[in-house]
């Protein structure tokens, strides 16, 4: 709509900043106290997604390392729009020709081929 460009990018490096801070006893205790005071918004989630640890990038125990940046080629939003439209058109065509589109046909397939059988899908 606005003709914006999408510029893909990536950044890596110094991903151990927080780990280095936790190696300093006084700073580790201070950070842990802050973490304990922070409202835990993801308390019902497990794994790395639930990690809400607090780190201070200005307090560093070593000389900063490198960060690596890469900016990709700009993508015109018109290209993205046309790709999405192409994908939707392709899928709509596949839907029209899918013999297992309805739940009834999928149920019949599983009853005749076994409940553990995988219902066929279209070839890409």
N, C-alpha and C. Protein backbone atom coordinates (compact mmCIF):
# COMPACT_ATOMS: atom_id res chain seq x y z
N UNK A 1 0.81 -1.19 0.00
CA UNK A 1 0.00 0.00 0.00
C UNK A 1 0.87 1.26 0.00
N UNK A 2 1.95 1.26 0.80
CA UNK A 2 2.80 2.43 0.90
C UNK A 2 4.08 2.30 0.09
N UNK A 3 4.29 1.15 -0.55
CA UNK A 3 5.49 0.96 -1.35
C UNK A 3 6.76 0.81 -0.53
N UNK A 4 6.63 0.35 0.70
CA UNK A 4 7.80 0.18 1.57
C UNK A 4 8.67 -0.96 1.08
N UNK A 5 9.93 -0.92 1.47
CA UNK A 5 10.86 -2.01 1.14
C UNK A 5 11.18 -2.78 2.42
N UNK A 6 11.32 -4.07 2.28
CA UNK A 6 11.71 -4.94 3.38
C UNK A 6 13.20 -5.21 3.21
N UNK A 7 13.97 -4.97 4.26
CA UNK A 7 15.40 -5.24 4.19
C UNK A 7 15.71 -6.32 5.23
N UNK A 8 15.96 -7.55 4.77
CA UNK A 8 16.30 -8.62 5.71
C UNK A 8 17.69 -8.37 6.31
N UNK A 9 17.85 -8.73 7.57
CA UNK A 9 19.16 -8.55 8.19
C UNK A 9 19.34 -9.57 9.31
N UNK A 10 20.59 -9.76 9.68
CA UNK A 10 20.91 -10.65 10.78
C UNK A 10 22.06 -10.07 11.58
N UNK A 11 22.10 -10.38 12.87
CA UNK A 11 23.15 -9.92 13.76
C UNK A 11 23.56 -11.10 14.64
N UNK A 12 24.86 -11.34 14.74
CA UNK A 12 25.37 -12.38 15.63
C UNK A 12 26.58 -11.84 16.38
N UNK A 13 26.95 -12.50 17.43
CA UNK A 13 28.14 -12.15 18.19
C UNK A 13 27.80 -11.68 19.59
N UNK A 14 28.78 -11.83 20.46
CA UNK A 14 28.65 -11.40 21.84
C UNK A 14 27.35 -11.85 22.49
N UNK A 15 26.94 -13.06 22.11
CA UNK A 15 25.71 -13.59 22.71
C UNK A 15 25.93 -14.08 24.13
N UNK A 16 27.17 -13.98 24.59
CA UNK A 16 27.43 -14.43 25.95
C UNK A 16 27.57 -13.25 26.92
N UNK A 17 27.09 -12.07 26.54
CA UNK A 17 27.19 -10.89 27.42
C UNK A 17 26.57 -11.19 28.79
N UNK A 18 25.38 -11.72 28.78
CA UNK A 18 24.70 -12.01 30.03
C UNK A 18 25.40 -13.07 30.86
N UNK A 19 25.94 -14.07 30.19
CA UNK A 19 26.66 -15.13 30.91
C UNK A 19 27.90 -14.56 31.58
N UNK A 20 28.61 -13.65 30.93
CA UNK A 20 29.80 -13.04 31.53
C UNK A 20 29.44 -12.23 32.77
N UNK A 21 28.32 -11.54 32.71
CA UNK A 21 27.91 -10.73 33.85
C UNK A 21 27.60 -11.62 35.06
N UNK A 22 27.04 -12.78 34.80
CA UNK A 22 26.68 -13.67 35.89
C UNK A 22 27.90 -14.32 36.54
N UNK A 23 29.09 -14.17 35.97
CA UNK A 23 30.31 -14.73 36.55
C UNK A 23 30.89 -13.83 37.63
N UNK A 24 30.43 -12.59 37.72
CA UNK A 24 30.92 -11.65 38.72
C UNK A 24 30.00 -11.75 39.94
N UNK A 25 30.54 -12.21 41.08
CA UNK A 25 29.68 -12.49 42.25
C UNK A 25 28.76 -11.34 42.65
N UNK A 26 29.29 -10.13 42.85
CA UNK A 26 28.44 -9.02 43.27
C UNK A 26 27.38 -8.72 42.23
N UNK A 27 27.76 -8.69 40.96
CA UNK A 27 26.82 -8.39 39.88
C UNK A 27 25.78 -9.51 39.75
N UNK A 28 26.23 -10.76 39.93
CA UNK A 28 25.29 -11.89 39.86
C UNK A 28 24.21 -11.75 40.93
N UNK A 29 24.61 -11.39 42.14
CA UNK A 29 23.65 -11.23 43.24
C UNK A 29 22.70 -10.07 42.93
N UNK A 30 23.22 -8.96 42.42
CA UNK A 30 22.40 -7.80 42.09
C UNK A 30 21.39 -8.14 41.00
N UNK A 31 21.86 -8.82 39.96
CA UNK A 31 20.98 -9.22 38.85
C UNK A 31 19.90 -10.17 39.35
N UNK A 32 20.28 -11.13 40.19
CA UNK A 32 19.30 -12.09 40.71
C UNK A 32 18.23 -11.40 41.55
N UNK A 33 18.63 -10.40 42.32
CA UNK A 33 17.65 -9.64 43.11
C UNK A 33 16.67 -8.91 42.20
N UNK A 34 17.19 -8.33 41.11
CA UNK A 34 16.31 -7.66 40.15
C UNK A 34 15.36 -8.63 39.48
N UNK A 35 15.88 -9.80 39.11
CA UNK A 35 15.05 -10.82 38.47
C UNK A 35 13.92 -11.24 39.40
N UNK A 36 14.25 -11.39 40.69
CA UNK A 36 13.24 -11.81 41.66
C UNK A 36 12.15 -10.75 41.84
N UNK A 37 12.49 -9.46 41.63
CA UNK A 37 11.52 -8.38 41.79
C UNK A 37 10.66 -8.16 40.55
N UNK A 38 11.13 -8.61 39.40
CA UNK A 38 10.42 -8.38 38.15
C UNK A 38 9.19 -9.27 38.09
N UNK A 39 8.09 -8.71 37.58
CA UNK A 39 6.87 -9.50 37.40
C UNK A 39 7.13 -10.50 36.29
N UNK A 40 6.91 -11.76 36.58
CA UNK A 40 7.14 -12.81 35.60
C UNK A 40 5.91 -12.97 34.71
N UNK A 41 6.01 -12.47 33.49
CA UNK A 41 4.88 -12.49 32.57
C UNK A 41 4.66 -13.84 31.93
N UNK A 42 5.71 -14.63 31.83
CA UNK A 42 5.60 -15.93 31.15
C UNK A 42 5.72 -17.08 32.15
N UNK A 43 5.07 -16.96 33.27
CA UNK A 43 5.21 -17.96 34.33
C UNK A 43 4.56 -19.29 33.98
N UNK A 44 3.65 -19.32 33.02
CA UNK A 44 2.98 -20.56 32.66
C UNK A 44 3.65 -21.25 31.47
N UNK A 45 4.82 -20.76 31.06
CA UNK A 45 5.53 -21.32 29.91
C UNK A 45 6.86 -21.89 30.39
N UNK A 46 7.29 -22.98 29.75
CA UNK A 46 8.58 -23.57 30.10
C UNK A 46 9.54 -23.39 28.93
N UNK A 47 10.75 -23.80 29.08
CA UNK A 47 11.83 -23.76 28.10
C UNK A 47 12.42 -22.36 27.98
N UNK A 48 13.24 -22.14 27.00
CA UNK A 48 13.95 -20.88 26.81
C UNK A 48 13.02 -19.71 26.58
N UNK A 49 11.83 -19.95 26.05
CA UNK A 49 10.86 -18.88 25.81
C UNK A 49 10.50 -18.17 27.10
N UNK A 50 10.51 -18.88 28.21
CA UNK A 50 10.13 -18.30 29.50
C UNK A 50 11.25 -17.50 30.14
N UNK A 51 12.45 -17.52 29.58
CA UNK A 51 13.59 -16.82 30.14
C UNK A 51 13.35 -15.31 30.12
N UNK A 52 13.35 -14.70 31.30
CA UNK A 52 13.16 -13.25 31.41
C UNK A 52 14.28 -12.62 32.22
N UNK A 53 15.46 -13.20 32.15
CA UNK A 53 16.58 -12.68 32.93
C UNK A 53 16.92 -11.25 32.52
N UNK A 54 17.44 -10.50 33.47
CA UNK A 54 17.81 -9.11 33.25
C UNK A 54 19.33 -9.04 33.11
N UNK A 55 19.80 -8.28 32.11
CA UNK A 55 21.23 -8.10 31.91
C UNK A 55 21.53 -6.65 31.63
N UNK A 56 22.70 -6.20 31.99
CA UNK A 56 23.10 -4.82 31.78
C UNK A 56 24.25 -4.76 30.77
N UNK A 57 24.00 -4.35 29.57
CA UNK A 57 25.05 -4.32 28.56
C UNK A 57 26.14 -3.30 28.84
N UNK A 58 25.90 -2.32 29.71
CA UNK A 58 26.94 -1.33 29.99
C UNK A 58 27.93 -1.83 31.04
N UNK A 59 27.57 -2.78 31.85
CA UNK A 59 28.48 -3.34 32.84
C UNK A 59 29.08 -4.60 32.27
N UNK A 60 30.30 -4.48 31.77
CA UNK A 60 30.91 -5.60 31.07
C UNK A 60 32.21 -6.01 31.75
N UNK A 61 32.40 -7.28 32.00
CA UNK A 61 33.62 -7.72 32.65
C UNK A 61 34.81 -7.85 31.69
N UNK A 62 34.62 -7.69 30.41
CA UNK A 62 35.74 -7.79 29.47
C UNK A 62 35.56 -6.75 28.37
N UNK A 63 36.59 -6.55 27.60
CA UNK A 63 36.51 -5.62 26.48
C UNK A 63 35.50 -6.17 25.48
N UNK A 64 34.61 -5.32 25.00
CA UNK A 64 33.57 -5.81 24.08
C UNK A 64 34.15 -6.50 22.86
N UNK A 65 33.51 -7.59 22.49
CA UNK A 65 33.90 -8.31 21.28
C UNK A 65 33.19 -7.72 20.08
N UNK A 66 33.17 -8.46 19.03
CA UNK A 66 32.57 -7.99 17.80
C UNK A 66 31.12 -8.41 17.67
N UNK A 67 30.40 -7.58 16.97
CA UNK A 67 29.07 -7.93 16.50
C UNK A 67 29.18 -8.01 14.99
N UNK A 68 28.48 -8.96 14.39
CA UNK A 68 28.53 -9.15 12.95
C UNK A 68 27.15 -8.89 12.38
N UNK A 69 27.09 -8.00 11.41
CA UNK A 69 25.83 -7.60 10.79
C UNK A 69 25.85 -7.97 9.32
N UNK A 70 24.72 -8.36 8.81
CA UNK A 70 24.57 -8.59 7.38
C UNK A 70 23.20 -8.10 6.96
N UNK A 71 23.20 -7.21 5.98
CA UNK A 71 21.95 -6.71 5.43
C UNK A 71 21.77 -7.31 4.06
N UNK A 72 20.62 -7.90 3.84
CA UNK A 72 20.33 -8.53 2.56
C UNK A 72 19.83 -7.52 1.53
N UNK A 73 19.53 -8.04 0.38
CA UNK A 73 19.00 -7.19 -0.69
C UNK A 73 17.57 -6.76 -0.35
N UNK A 74 17.25 -5.50 -0.63
CA UNK A 74 15.88 -5.03 -0.37
C UNK A 74 14.86 -5.85 -1.14
N UNK A 75 13.73 -6.05 -0.51
CA UNK A 75 12.63 -6.77 -1.15
C UNK A 75 11.48 -5.77 -1.33
N UNK A 76 11.05 -5.62 -2.53
CA UNK A 76 9.92 -4.72 -2.81
C UNK A 76 8.64 -5.35 -2.26
N UNK A 77 7.84 -4.58 -1.56
CA UNK A 77 6.61 -5.12 -1.00
C UNK A 77 5.67 -5.60 -2.11
N UNK A 78 5.76 -5.00 -3.28
CA UNK A 78 4.93 -5.46 -4.40
C UNK A 78 5.29 -6.90 -4.76
N UNK A 79 6.60 -7.25 -4.68
CA UNK A 79 7.03 -8.63 -4.95
C UNK A 79 6.44 -9.57 -3.91
N UNK A 80 6.48 -9.16 -2.64
CA UNK A 80 5.94 -9.99 -1.57
C UNK A 80 4.45 -10.20 -1.78
N UNK A 81 3.77 -9.12 -2.10
CA UNK A 81 2.32 -9.21 -2.32
C UNK A 81 2.01 -10.16 -3.46
N UNK A 82 2.75 -10.06 -4.56
CA UNK A 82 2.47 -10.94 -5.70
C UNK A 82 2.82 -12.39 -5.38
N UNK A 83 3.88 -12.62 -4.56
CA UNK A 83 4.21 -13.98 -4.15
C UNK A 83 3.11 -14.57 -3.27
N UNK A 84 2.60 -13.78 -2.34
CA UNK A 84 1.51 -14.26 -1.47
C UNK A 84 0.28 -14.56 -2.31
N UNK A 85 -0.04 -13.67 -3.23
CA UNK A 85 -1.19 -13.90 -4.11
C UNK A 85 -1.00 -15.17 -4.95
N UNK A 86 0.23 -15.40 -5.43
CA UNK A 86 0.52 -16.60 -6.21
C UNK A 86 0.33 -17.84 -5.33
N UNK A 87 0.81 -17.80 -4.11
CA UNK A 87 0.66 -18.94 -3.18
C UNK A 87 -0.82 -19.22 -2.90
N UNK A 88 -1.57 -18.17 -2.64
CA UNK A 88 -3.00 -18.36 -2.37
C UNK A 88 -3.73 -18.92 -3.57
N UNK A 89 -3.40 -18.46 -4.75
CA UNK A 89 -4.01 -18.97 -5.97
C UNK A 89 -3.69 -20.45 -6.16
N UNK A 90 -2.43 -20.81 -5.93
CA UNK A 90 -2.00 -22.21 -6.03
C UNK A 90 -2.77 -23.09 -5.06
N UNK A 91 -2.90 -22.63 -3.81
CA UNK A 91 -3.60 -23.42 -2.80
C UNK A 91 -5.09 -23.53 -3.10
N UNK A 92 -5.67 -22.48 -3.61
CA UNK A 92 -7.10 -22.53 -3.96
C UNK A 92 -7.33 -23.57 -5.06
N UNK A 93 -6.42 -23.67 -6.00
CA UNK A 93 -6.52 -24.68 -7.06
C UNK A 93 -6.40 -26.08 -6.46
N UNK A 94 -5.47 -26.25 -5.53
CA UNK A 94 -5.29 -27.55 -4.89
C UNK A 94 -6.51 -27.94 -4.06
N UNK A 95 -7.13 -26.98 -3.41
CA UNK A 95 -8.34 -27.25 -2.62
C UNK A 95 -9.44 -27.81 -3.51
N UNK A 96 -9.61 -27.20 -4.68
CA UNK A 96 -10.68 -27.64 -5.59
C UNK A 96 -10.49 -29.10 -6.03
N UNK A 97 -9.24 -29.55 -6.09
CA UNK A 97 -8.94 -30.90 -6.58
C UNK A 97 -8.60 -31.89 -5.46
N UNK A 98 -8.79 -31.51 -4.22
CA UNK A 98 -8.43 -32.38 -3.10
C UNK A 98 -9.57 -33.36 -2.80
N UNK A 99 -9.34 -34.65 -3.05
CA UNK A 99 -10.40 -35.63 -2.78
C UNK A 99 -10.65 -35.84 -1.29
N UNK A 100 -9.73 -35.38 -0.44
CA UNK A 100 -9.87 -35.58 1.00
C UNK A 100 -10.13 -34.26 1.73
N UNK A 101 -10.72 -33.32 1.05
CA UNK A 101 -10.99 -32.01 1.65
C UNK A 101 -12.01 -32.10 2.78
N UNK A 102 -13.05 -32.87 2.58
CA UNK A 102 -14.10 -32.96 3.60
C UNK A 102 -13.69 -33.92 4.71
N UNK A 103 -14.21 -33.68 5.87
CA UNK A 103 -13.91 -34.55 7.00
C UNK A 103 -14.45 -35.95 6.77
N UNK A 104 -15.55 -36.06 6.06
CA UNK A 104 -16.14 -37.36 5.80
C UNK A 104 -15.21 -38.21 4.94
N UNK A 105 -14.65 -37.63 3.88
CA UNK A 105 -13.75 -38.42 3.02
C UNK A 105 -12.47 -38.78 3.77
N UNK A 106 -11.99 -37.92 4.66
CA UNK A 106 -10.80 -38.26 5.45
C UNK A 106 -11.11 -39.37 6.44
N UNK A 107 -12.30 -39.32 7.02
CA UNK A 107 -12.71 -40.36 7.96
C UNK A 107 -12.84 -41.70 7.26
N UNK A 108 -13.46 -41.72 6.08
CA UNK A 108 -13.59 -42.96 5.30
C UNK A 108 -12.21 -43.50 4.96
N UNK A 109 -11.29 -42.63 4.57
CA UNK A 109 -9.93 -43.07 4.24
C UNK A 109 -9.29 -43.75 5.46
N UNK A 110 -9.38 -43.12 6.61
CA UNK A 110 -8.75 -43.70 7.79
C UNK A 110 -9.43 -44.99 8.24
N UNK A 111 -10.73 -45.08 8.08
CA UNK A 111 -11.42 -46.31 8.45
C UNK A 111 -11.03 -47.46 7.53
N UNK A 112 -10.77 -47.16 6.26
CA UNK A 112 -10.40 -48.22 5.31
C UNK A 112 -8.91 -48.51 5.31
N UNK A 113 -8.07 -47.56 5.74
CA UNK A 113 -6.62 -47.77 5.72
C UNK A 113 -6.01 -47.85 7.12
N UNK A 114 -6.81 -47.75 8.14
CA UNK A 114 -6.31 -47.80 9.51
C UNK A 114 -6.24 -46.40 10.11
N UNK A 115 -6.58 -46.31 11.39
CA UNK A 115 -6.64 -45.01 12.06
C UNK A 115 -5.27 -44.33 12.16
N UNK A 116 -4.21 -45.11 12.12
CA UNK A 116 -2.86 -44.54 12.21
C UNK A 116 -2.33 -44.10 10.84
N UNK A 117 -3.06 -44.38 9.78
CA UNK A 117 -2.59 -44.04 8.43
C UNK A 117 -2.65 -42.53 8.22
N UNK A 118 -1.72 -42.05 7.40
CA UNK A 118 -1.68 -40.62 7.10
C UNK A 118 -2.47 -40.36 5.82
N UNK A 119 -3.34 -39.41 5.89
CA UNK A 119 -4.20 -39.08 4.75
C UNK A 119 -3.36 -38.39 3.69
N UNK A 120 -3.44 -38.84 2.44
CA UNK A 120 -2.63 -38.23 1.39
C UNK A 120 -2.93 -36.75 1.20
N UNK A 121 -1.91 -36.03 0.80
CA UNK A 121 -2.07 -34.62 0.49
C UNK A 121 -1.58 -34.40 -0.94
N UNK A 122 -1.70 -33.20 -1.43
CA UNK A 122 -1.29 -32.94 -2.80
C UNK A 122 0.23 -32.87 -2.92
N UNK A 123 0.71 -33.15 -4.11
CA UNK A 123 2.14 -33.01 -4.38
C UNK A 123 2.44 -31.54 -4.66
N UNK A 124 3.53 -31.02 -4.09
CA UNK A 124 3.86 -29.60 -4.32
C UNK A 124 4.24 -29.31 -5.77
